[in-house]
PDB file of N, CA and C in Angstrom:
ATOM      1  N   MET A   1      86.862 146.385 109.050  1.00  0.00           N
ATOM      2  CA  MET A   1      85.691 146.615 107.771  1.00  0.00           C
ATOM      3  C   MET A   1      84.418 146.413 108.185  1.00  0.00           C
ATOM      4  N   GLY A   2      84.001 146.123 109.306  1.00  0.00           N
ATOM      5  CA  GLY A   2      82.830 146.216 110.024  1.00  0.00           C
ATOM      6  C   GLY A   2      81.830 144.847 109.222  1.00  0.00           C
ATOM      7  N   ALA A   3      82.613 144.127 108.291  1.00  0.00           N
ATOM      8  CA  ALA A   3      81.583 143.481 107.099  1.00  0.00           C
ATOM      9  C   ALA A   3      81.036 142.000 108.149  1.00  0.00           C
ATOM     10  N   GLU A   4      80.038 141.837 107.630  1.00  0.00           N
ATOM     11  CA  GLU A   4      79.583 140.564 108.510  1.00  0.00           C
ATOM     12  C   GLU A   4      79.602 139.242 107.535  1.00  0.00           C
ATOM     13  N   TYR A   5      80.089 139.120 106.631  1.00  0.00           N
ATOM     14  CA  TYR A   5      80.443 138.339 105.685  1.00  0.00           C
ATOM     15  C   TYR A   5      81.715 138.419 104.307  1.00  0.00           C
ATOM     16  N   ALA A   6      82.380 137.830 103.871  1.00  0.00           N
ATOM     17  CA  ALA A   6      83.306 138.267 103.018  1.00  0.00           C
ATOM     18  C   ALA A   6      83.539 137.246 102.203  1.00  0.00           C
ATOM     19  N   PHE A   7      84.048 137.250 100.811  1.00  0.00           N
ATOM     20  CA  PHE A   7      83.996 135.842  99.758  1.00  0.00           C
ATOM     21  C   PHE A   7      85.238 136.066  99.770  1.00  0.00           C
ATOM     22  N   LEU A   8      86.343 134.961  99.318  1.00  0.00           N
ATOM     23  CA  LEU A   8      87.640 134.713  98.997  1.00  0.00           C
ATOM     24  C   LEU A   8      87.465 134.585  97.854  1.00  0.00           C
ATOM     25  N   VAL A   9      87.767 134.580  96.412  1.00  0.00           N
ATOM     26  CA  VAL A   9      88.192 133.905  95.457  1.00  0.00           C
ATOM     27  C   VAL A   9      89.562 133.465  94.926  1.00  0.00           C
ATOM     28  N   ASN A  10      89.809 133.025  94.165  1.00  0.00           N
ATOM     29  CA  ASN A  10      90.983 132.213  93.689  1.00  0.00           C
ATOM     30  C   ASN A  10      91.644 133.177  92.723  1.00  0.00           C
ATOM     31  N   SER A  11      91.118 133.909  91.888  1.00  0.00           N
ATOM     32  CA  SER A  11      91.179 134.872  90.773  1.00  0.00           C
ATOM     33  C   SER A  11      90.221 136.145  90.413  1.00  0.00           C
ATOM     34  N   GLY A  12      90.298 136.761  89.434  1.00  0.00           N
ATOM     35  CA  GLY A  12      89.808 137.959  89.198  1.00  0.00           C
ATOM     36  C   GLY A  12      87.972 137.156  88.361  1.00  0.00           C
ATOM     37  N   SER A  13      88.796 136.767  87.523  1.00  0.00           N
ATOM     38  CA  SER A  13      87.421 135.640  86.995  1.00  0.00           C
ATOM     39  C   SER A  13      86.674 134.998  87.719  1.00  0.00           C
ATOM     40  N   SER A  14      87.050 134.415  88.734  1.00  0.00           N
ATOM     41  CA  SER A  14      86.089 133.972  89.947  1.00  0.00           C
ATOM     42  C   SER A  14      85.637 134.636  90.710  1.00  0.00           C
ATOM     43  N   ALA A  15      86.084 136.186  90.942  1.00  0.00           N
ATOM     44  CA  ALA A  15      85.459 137.786  91.612  1.00  0.00           C
ATOM     45  C   ALA A  15      84.478 137.894  90.783  1.00  0.00           C
ATOM     46  N   ASN A  16      84.542 137.985  89.359  1.00  0.00           N
ATOM     47  CA  ASN A  16      83.546 138.287  88.432  1.00  0.00           C
ATOM     48  C   ASN A  16      82.429 137.487  88.456  1.00  0.00           C
ATOM     49  N   LEU A  17      82.505 136.244  88.330  1.00  0.00           N
ATOM     50  CA  LEU A  17      81.430 135.974  88.445  1.00  0.00           C
ATOM     51  C   LEU A  17      80.539 135.762  90.024  1.00  0.00           C
ATOM     52  N   VAL A  18      81.495 135.634  90.785  1.00  0.00           N
ATOM     53  CA  VAL A  18      81.077 135.728  92.381  1.00  0.00           C
ATOM     54  C   VAL A  18      79.801 137.056  92.146  1.00  0.00           C
ATOM     55  N   ALA A  19      80.692 138.055  91.461  1.00  0.00           N
ATOM     56  CA  ALA A  19      80.080 139.686  91.815  1.00  0.00           C
ATOM     57  C   ALA A  19      78.781 139.561  91.292  1.00  0.00           C
ATOM     58  N   LEU A  20      79.286 139.213  89.691  1.00  0.00           N
ATOM     59  CA  LEU A  20      77.483 139.427  89.063  1.00  0.00           C
ATOM     60  C   LEU A  20      76.312 138.432  89.364  1.00  0.00           C
ATOM     61  N   SER A  21      76.711 137.200  90.405  1.00  0.00           N
ATOM     62  CA  SER A  21      75.814 135.990  90.814  1.00  0.00           C
ATOM     63  C   SER A  21      75.320 136.764  91.880  1.00  0.00           C
ATOM     64  N   ALA A  22      75.796 137.778  92.674  1.00  0.00           N
ATOM     65  CA  ALA A  22      75.222 137.893  93.830  1.00  0.00           C
ATOM     66  C   ALA A  22      74.123 139.066  93.464  1.00  0.00           C
ATOM     67  N   LEU A  23      74.433 139.638  92.054  1.00  0.00           N
ATOM     68  CA  LEU A  23      73.324 141.092  91.729  1.00  0.00           C
ATOM     69  C   LEU A  23      72.703 139.855  90.902  1.00  0.00           C
ATOM     70  N   MET A  24      72.272 139.423  90.869  1.00  0.00           N
ATOM     71  CA  MET A  24      70.566 138.372  90.865  1.00  0.00           C
ATOM     72  C   MET A  24      70.280 137.309  92.022  1.00  0.00           C
ATOM     73  N   SER A  25      70.558 138.247  93.284  1.00  0.00           N
ATOM     74  CA  SER A  25      70.187 137.422  94.736  1.00  0.00           C
ATOM     75  C   SER A  25      68.697 138.125  94.672  1.00  0.00           C
ATOM     76  N   PRO A  26      67.672 136.999  95.269  1.00  0.00           N
ATOM     77  CA  PRO A  26      66.373 137.483  95.359  1.00  0.00           C
ATOM     78  C   PRO A  26      66.523 138.642  96.883  1.00  0.00           C
ATOM     79  N   LEU A  27      67.955 138.529  97.474  1.00  0.00           N
ATOM     80  CA  LEU A  27      67.574 139.336  98.461  1.00  0.00           C
ATOM     81  C   LEU A  27      67.131 140.846  98.085  1.00  0.00           C
ATOM     82  N   LEU A  28      68.393 141.315  96.928  1.00  0.00           N
ATOM     83  CA  LEU A  28      67.889 142.442  96.405  1.00  0.00           C
ATOM     84  C   LEU A  28      66.543 143.061  95.704  1.00  0.00           C
ATOM     85  N   GLY A  29      65.614 142.379  95.815  1.00  0.00           N
ATOM     86  CA  GLY A  29      64.152 142.683  95.325  1.00  0.00           C
ATOM     87  C   GLY A  29      64.393 143.189  94.385  1.00  0.00           C
ATOM     88  N   GLU A  30      63.452 144.346  93.775  1.00  0.00           N
ATOM     89  CA  GLU A  30      63.289 144.766  92.510  1.00  0.00           C
ATOM     90  C   GLU A  30      64.980 145.415  91.876  1.00  0.00           C
ATOM     91  N   ARG A  31      65.534 145.474  92.484  1.00  0.00           N
ATOM     92  CA  ARG A  31      67.124 145.665  92.316  1.00  0.00           C
ATOM     93  C   ARG A  31      67.727 144.784  91.316  1.00  0.00           C
ATOM     94  N   ARG A  32      67.080 143.675  91.573  1.00  0.00           N
ATOM     95  CA  ARG A  32      68.062 142.692  91.250  1.00  0.00           C
ATOM     96  C   ARG A  32      68.186 142.378  90.151  1.00  0.00           C
ATOM     97  N   LEU A  33      69.450 142.027  89.391  1.00  0.00           N
ATOM     98  CA  LEU A  33      69.337 141.143  87.679  1.00  0.00           C
ATOM     99  C   LEU A  33      68.382 140.152  87.909  1.00  0.00           C
ATOM    100  N   LYS A  34      67.538 140.011  86.578  1.00  0.00           N
ATOM    101  CA  LYS A  34      66.959 138.826  86.163  1.00  0.00           C
ATOM    102  C   LYS A  34      67.607 138.453  84.812  1.00  0.00           C
ATOM    103  N   ALA A  35      67.329 137.193  84.511  1.00  0.00           N
ATOM    104  CA  ALA A  35      67.828 136.471  83.339  1.00  0.00           C
ATOM    105  C   ALA A  35      67.130 137.112  82.349  1.00  0.00           C
ATOM    106  N   GLY A  36      67.734 137.738  81.475  1.00  0.00           N
ATOM    107  CA  GLY A  36      67.250 137.740  80.326  1.00  0.00           C
ATOM    108  C   GLY A  36      67.480 139.662  79.902  1.00  0.00           C
ATOM    109  N   ASP A  37      68.106 139.930  81.503  1.00  0.00           N
ATOM    110  CA  ASP A  37      68.324 142.190  81.574  1.00  0.00           C
ATOM    111  C   ASP A  37      69.581 141.751  80.437  1.00  0.00           C
ATOM    112  N   GLU A  38      70.081 142.928  80.404  1.00  0.00           N
ATOM    113  CA  GLU A  38      71.091 143.718  79.252  1.00  0.00           C
ATOM    114  C   GLU A  38      72.088 143.541  80.159  1.00  0.00           C
ATOM    115  N   VAL A  39      73.110 143.863  80.117  1.00  0.00           N
ATOM    116  CA  VAL A  39      74.562 144.001  80.620  1.00  0.00           C
ATOM    117  C   VAL A  39      75.367 144.728  79.447  1.00  0.00           C
ATOM    118  N   ILE A  40      75.884 145.947  79.574  1.00  0.00           N
ATOM    119  CA  ILE A  40      76.340 146.555  78.640  1.00  0.00           C
ATOM    120  C   ILE A  40      77.964 146.569  78.655  1.00  0.00           C
ATOM    121  N   SER A  41      78.833 145.857  78.002  1.00  0.00           N
ATOM    122  CA  SER A  41      79.776 146.132  77.829  1.00  0.00           C
ATOM    123  C   SER A  41      81.069 146.394  76.869  1.00  0.00           C
ATOM    124  N   VAL A  42      82.310 146.831  76.710  1.00  0.00           N
ATOM    125  CA  VAL A  42      82.983 146.850  76.228  1.00  0.00           C
ATOM    126  C   VAL A  42      83.107 145.411  74.626  1.00  0.00           C
ATOM    127  N   ALA A  43      83.220 145.999  73.794  1.00  0.00           N
ATOM    128  CA  ALA A  43      83.790 144.788  72.512  1.00  0.00           C
ATOM    129  C   ALA A  43      85.053 144.692  72.891  1.00  0.00           C
ATOM    130  N   ALA A  44      86.394 145.576  73.357  1.00  0.00           N
ATOM    131  CA  ALA A  44      87.636 145.149  73.048  1.00  0.00           C
ATOM    132  C   ALA A  44      87.777 144.178  74.693  1.00  0.00           C
ATOM    133  N   GLY A  45      87.318 143.972  75.113  1.00  0.00           N
ATOM    134  CA  GLY A  45      87.495 142.960  76.552  1.00  0.00           C
ATOM    135  C   GLY A  45      88.137 141.919  76.972  1.00  0.00           C
ATOM    136  N   PHE A  46      88.150 141.569  77.949  1.00  0.00           N
ATOM    137  CA  PHE A  46      88.218 140.434  77.814  1.00  0.00           C
ATOM    138  C   PHE A  46      87.394 139.323  78.480  1.00  0.00           C
ATOM    139  N   PRO A  47      87.429 138.340  78.420  1.00  0.00           N
ATOM    140  CA  PRO A  47      86.354 137.337  77.788  1.00  0.00           C
ATOM    141  C   PRO A  47      85.500 136.814  79.209  1.00  0.00           C
ATOM    142  N   THR A  48      86.368 136.764  80.086  1.00  0.00           N
ATOM    143  CA  THR A  48      86.200 136.623  81.753  1.00  0.00           C
ATOM    144  C   THR A  48      85.297 137.476  82.189  1.00  0.00           C
ATOM    145  N   THR A  49      85.377 139.142  81.645  1.00  0.00           N
ATOM    146  CA  THR A  49      84.060 139.595  82.159  1.00  0.00           C
ATOM    147  C   THR A  49      82.880 139.282  81.519  1.00  0.00           C
ATOM    148  N   LEU A  50      82.944 138.605  80.188  1.00  0.00           N
ATOM    149  CA  LEU A  50      81.307 138.129  79.182  1.00  0.00           C
ATOM    150  C   LEU A  50      81.341 137.109  79.813  1.00  0.00           C
ATOM    151  N   ASN A  51      82.224 136.069  80.450  1.00  0.00           N
ATOM    152  CA  ASN A  51      81.290 135.306  80.973  1.00  0.00           C
ATOM    153  C   ASN A  51      80.385 134.875  82.380  1.00  0.00           C
ATOM    154  N   PRO A  52      80.644 135.816  82.581  1.00  0.00           N
ATOM    155  CA  PRO A  52      79.475 135.399  83.834  1.00  0.00           C
ATOM    156  C   PRO A  52      78.176 135.839  83.141  1.00  0.00           C
ATOM    157  N   VAL A  53      77.963 136.955  82.695  1.00  0.00           N
ATOM    158  CA  VAL A  53      76.764 137.119  81.875  1.00  0.00           C
ATOM    159  C   VAL A  53      76.341 136.171  81.092  1.00  0.00           C
ATOM    160  N   ILE A  54      76.902 135.416  80.555  1.00  0.00           N
ATOM    161  CA  ILE A  54      76.605 134.280  79.809  1.00  0.00           C
ATOM    162  C   ILE A  54      75.989 132.964  80.859  1.00  0.00           C
ATOM    163  N   GLN A  55      76.608 132.885  81.665  1.00  0.00           N
ATOM    164  CA  GLN A  55      76.076 131.812  82.799  1.00  0.00           C
ATOM    165  C   GLN A  55      75.094 132.605  83.532  1.00  0.00           C
ATOM    166  N   ASN A  56      74.701 133.487  83.748  1.00  0.00           N
ATOM    167  CA  ASN A  56      73.350 133.678  84.212  1.00  0.00           C
ATOM    168  C   ASN A  56      72.458 134.530  83.364  1.00  0.00           C
ATOM    169  N   ALA A  57      72.452 133.777  82.064  1.00  0.00           N
ATOM    170  CA  ALA A  57      71.499 134.281  81.005  1.00  0.00           C
ATOM    171  C   ALA A  57      70.728 135.239  81.535  1.00  0.00           C
ATOM    172  N   LEU A  58      72.039 136.062  81.604  1.00  0.00           N
ATOM    173  CA  LEU A  58      71.584 137.726  80.914  1.00  0.00           C
ATOM    174  C   LEU A  58      72.573 138.024  79.616  1.00  0.00           C
ATOM    175  N   ILE A  59      71.777 139.192  78.939  1.00  0.00           N
ATOM    176  CA  ILE A  59      72.069 139.370  77.512  1.00  0.00           C
ATOM    177  C   ILE A  59      73.050 140.569  77.333  1.00  0.00           C
ATOM    178  N   PRO A  60      74.526 140.029  76.692  1.00  0.00           N
ATOM    179  CA  PRO A  60      75.708 141.183  76.499  1.00  0.00           C
ATOM    180  C   PRO A  60      74.933 142.174  75.648  1.00  0.00           C
ATOM    181  N   VAL A  61      75.486 143.288  75.703  1.00  0.00           N
ATOM    182  CA  VAL A  61      75.076 144.545  74.273  1.00  0.00           C
ATOM    183  C   VAL A  61      76.526 144.832  74.163  1.00  0.00           C
ATOM    184  N   PHE A  62      77.066 144.741  73.880  1.00  0.00           N
ATOM    185  CA  PHE A  62      78.715 145.715  72.786  1.00  0.00           C
ATOM    186  C   PHE A  62      78.568 147.353  72.797  1.00  0.00           C
ATOM    187  N   VAL A  63      79.773 147.983  73.335  1.00  0.00           N
ATOM    188  CA  VAL A  63      79.719 148.916  72.382  1.00  0.00           C
ATOM    189  C   VAL A  63      81.540 149.635  72.452  1.00  0.00           C
ATOM    190  N   ASP A  64      81.078 150.165  71.201  1.00  0.00           N
ATOM    191  CA  ASP A  64      82.818 150.632  71.138  1.00  0.00           C
ATOM    192  C   ASP A  64      83.889 150.861  71.968  1.00  0.00           C
ATOM    193  N   VAL A  65      85.043 151.073  72.181  1.00  0.00           N
ATOM    194  CA  VAL A  65      85.916 152.084  72.534  1.00  0.00           C
ATOM    195  C   VAL A  65      86.476 153.264  71.907  1.00  0.00           C
ATOM    196  N   ASP A  66      87.076 153.712  72.974  1.00  0.00           N
ATOM    197  CA  ASP A  66      87.775 155.750  72.297  1.00  0.00           C
ATOM    198  C   ASP A  66      89.081 154.728  71.965  1.00  0.00           C
ATOM    199  N   ILE A  67      89.528 154.742  70.892  1.00  0.00           N
ATOM    200  CA  ILE A  67      90.705 154.248  70.398  1.00  0.00           C
ATOM    201  C   ILE A  67      91.869 155.001  70.780  1.00  0.00           C
ATOM    202  N   GLY A  68      91.608 156.466  71.345  1.00  0.00           N
ATOM    203  CA  GLY A  68      93.294 156.992  71.599  1.00  0.00           C
ATOM    204  C   GLY A  68      93.058 156.077  73.294  1.00  0.00           C
ATOM    205  N   THR A  69      92.285 156.154  74.491  1.00  0.00           N
ATOM    206  CA  THR A  69      92.070 155.737  75.181  1.00  0.00           C
ATOM    207  C   THR A  69      91.627 154.649  75.460  1.00  0.00           C
ATOM    208  N   TYR A  70      91.198 153.327  74.841  1.00  0.00           N
ATOM    209  CA  TYR A  70      90.409 152.319  75.073  1.00  0.00           C
ATOM    210  C   TYR A  70      89.001 152.663  76.003  1.00  0.00           C
ATOM    211  N   ASN A  71      89.047 153.413  76.325  1.00  0.00           N
ATOM    212  CA  ASN A  71      87.745 153.514  77.318  1.00  0.00           C
ATOM    213  C   ASN A  71      86.082 153.626  76.384  1.00  0.00           C
ATOM    214  N   ILE A  72      85.337 153.276  77.508  1.00  0.00           N
ATOM    215  CA  ILE A  72      84.657 152.897  76.793  1.00  0.00           C
ATOM    216  C   ILE A  72      83.589 154.404  75.708  1.00  0.00           C
ATOM    217  N   ASP A  73      83.373 154.415  74.748  1.00  0.00           N
ATOM    218  CA  ASP A  73      82.957 155.592  74.187  1.00  0.00           C
ATOM    219  C   ASP A  73      81.348 155.861  74.797  1.00  0.00           C
ATOM    220  N   VAL A  74      81.250 156.991  75.609  1.00  0.00           N
ATOM    221  CA  VAL A  74      79.955 157.466  75.713  1.00  0.00           C
ATOM    222  C   VAL A  74      78.909 158.013  75.147  1.00  0.00           C
ATOM    223  N   LYS A  75      78.952 157.737  73.913  1.00  0.00           N
ATOM    224  CA  LYS A  75      78.505 158.191  73.354  1.00  0.00           C
ATOM    225  C   LYS A  75      77.810 156.650  72.833  1.00  0.00           C
ATOM    226  N   GLU A  76      78.239 155.989  72.498  1.00  0.00           N
ATOM    227  CA  GLU A  76      77.680 154.633  71.906  1.00  0.00           C
ATOM    228  C   GLU A  76      76.710 153.768  73.381  1.00  0.00           C
ATOM    229  N   LEU A  77      77.394 154.266  74.686  1.00  0.00           N
ATOM    230  CA  LEU A  77      76.780 153.934  75.720  1.00  0.00           C
ATOM    231  C   LEU A  77      75.153 154.078  75.630  1.00  0.00           C
ATOM    232  N   GLU A  78      75.334 155.734  76.070  1.00  0.00           N
ATOM    233  CA  GLU A  78      73.769 156.177  75.870  1.00  0.00           C
ATOM    234  C   GLU A  78      73.089 155.528  74.994  1.00  0.00           C
ATOM    235  N   ARG A  79      73.473 155.164  73.692  1.00  0.00           N
ATOM    236  CA  ARG A  79      73.051 154.709  72.976  1.00  0.00           C
ATOM    237  C   ARG A  79      71.981 153.040  72.668  1.00  0.00           C
ATOM    238  N   ALA A  80      72.911 152.496  74.000  1.00  0.00           N
ATOM    239  CA  ALA A  80      73.254 151.207  73.997  1.00  0.00           C
ATOM    240  C   ALA A  80      72.153 150.870  74.970  1.00  0.00           C
ATOM    241  N   ILE A  81      71.584 151.963  76.256  1.00  0.00           N
ATOM    242  CA  ILE A  81      70.746 151.510  77.054  1.00  0.00           C
ATOM    243  C   ILE A  81      69.839 151.911  76.715  1.00  0.00           C
ATOM    244  N   GLY A  82      68.633 151.126  77.557  1.00  0.00           N
ATOM    245  CA  GLY A  82      67.302 150.645  77.138  1.00  0.00           C
ATOM    246  C   GLY A  82      66.805 149.850  78.296  1.00  0.00           C
ATOM    247  N   PRO A  83      65.416 149.660  77.840  1.00  0.00           N
ATOM    248  CA  PRO A  83      64.455 149.447  79.265  1.00  0.00           C
ATOM    249  C   PRO A  83      64.891 147.733  79.738  1.00  0.00           C
ATOM    250  N   LYS A  84      65.520 147.191  78.981  1.00  0.00           N
ATOM    251  CA  LYS A  84      66.533 146.051  79.722  1.00  0.00           C
ATOM    252  C   LYS A  84      67.734 145.795  80.216  1.00  0.00           C
ATOM    253  N   THR A  85      68.249 147.486  79.986  1.00  0.00           N
ATOM    254  CA  THR A  85      69.644 147.552  80.938  1.00  0.00           C
ATOM    255  C   THR A  85      69.444 147.065  82.390  1.00  0.00           C
ATOM    256  N   GLY A  86      70.464 146.385  82.799  1.00  0.00           N
ATOM    257  CA  GLY A  86      70.188 146.249  84.316  1.00  0.00           C
ATOM    258  C   GLY A  86      71.330 146.251  84.761  1.00  0.00           C
ATOM    259  N   ARG A  87      72.866 146.429  83.505  1.00  0.00           N
ATOM    260  CA  ARG A  87      74.152 146.696  84.359  1.00  0.00           C
ATOM    261  C   ARG A  87      74.782 147.013  83.598  1.00  0.00           C
ATOM    262  N   TYR A  88      75.771 148.563  83.607  1.00  0.00           N
ATOM    263  CA  TYR A  88      76.918 148.861  82.445  1.00  0.00           C
ATOM    264  C   TYR A  88      78.400 147.432  83.513  1.00  0.00           C
ATOM    265  N   SER A  89      78.899 146.875  82.503  1.00  0.00           N
ATOM    266  CA  SER A  89      80.233 146.702  83.405  1.00  0.00           C
ATOM    267  C   SER A  89      81.428 147.265  82.762  1.00  0.00           C
ATOM    268  N   SER A  90      82.550 147.554  83.674  1.00  0.00           N
ATOM    269  CA  SER A  90      83.594 148.274  83.103  1.00  0.00           C
ATOM    270  C   SER A  90      84.463 147.649  83.898  1.00  0.00           C
ATOM    271  N   ARG A  91      85.759 147.161  82.867  1.00  0.00           N
ATOM    272  CA  ARG A  91      86.973 146.360  83.508  1.00  0.00           C
ATOM    273  C   ARG A  91      87.955 147.470  83.304  1.00  0.00           C
ATOM    274  N   ILE A  92      89.311 146.962  84.003  1.00  0.00           N
ATOM    275  CA  ILE A  92      90.507 147.450  83.156  1.00  0.00           C
ATOM    276  C   ILE A  92      90.882 146.303  82.510  1.00  0.00           C
ATOM    277  N   LEU A  93      91.308 146.949  80.794  1.00  0.00           N
ATOM    278  CA  LEU A  93      92.176 146.412  80.108  1.00  0.00           C
ATOM    279  C   LEU A  93      93.510 146.476  79.860  1.00  0.00           C
ATOM    280  N   SER A  94      94.434 145.560  79.969  1.00  0.00           N
ATOM    281  CA  SER A  94      95.573 145.270  79.274  1.00  0.00           C
ATOM    282  C   SER A  94      96.725 146.860  80.693  1.00  0.00           C
ATOM    283  N   GLY A  95      95.977 146.589  81.540  1.00  0.00           N
ATOM    284  CA  GLY A  95      96.290 147.605  82.660  1.00  0.00           C
ATOM    285  C   GLY A  95      95.533 149.254  82.390  1.00  0.00           C
ATOM    286  N   THR A  96      95.037 149.701  81.444  1.00  0.00           N
ATOM    287  CA  THR A  96      94.625 150.934  81.057  1.00  0.00           C
ATOM    288  C   THR A  96      92.913 150.915  81.909  1.00  0.00           C
ATOM    289  N   PRO A  97      93.102 151.512  82.833  1.00  0.00           N
ATOM    290  CA  PRO A  97      91.508 151.570  83.782  1.00  0.00           C
ATOM    291  C   PRO A  97      90.092 152.118  82.501  1.00  0.00           C
ATOM    292  N   THR A  98      89.387 151.534  83.088  1.00  0.00           N
ATOM    293  CA  THR A  98      87.961 151.716  81.749  1.00  0.00           C
ATOM    294  C   THR A  98      87.249 152.882  82.918  1.00  0.00           C
ATOM    295  N   THR A  99      86.514 154.117  81.611  1.00  0.00           N
ATOM    296  CA  THR A  99      85.813 154.817  83.359  1.00  0.00           C
ATOM    297  C   THR A  99      84.182 154.514  82.787  1.00  0.00           C
TER     298      THR A  99
END
């Protein structure tokens, strides 16, 4: 794989926390997430998608899904993007990939 480092975790919940925490690393410079940045996520998601946002002092911004597909409503996503938006979080819900 050519990776210098790797992290093993015990669950998808832990993977979410490690991944989001890594995005707050000072090593990322200006690209890093900072406390108070907004993270957009679907309102019909799993709690462990939201927990790392709160644990890292980020602000969750919820958007609705398209009822037919349970994918994020793109129009809602566009309206939710603001000056403090740092990330969009998309997850799989009940086996249905979100895009």
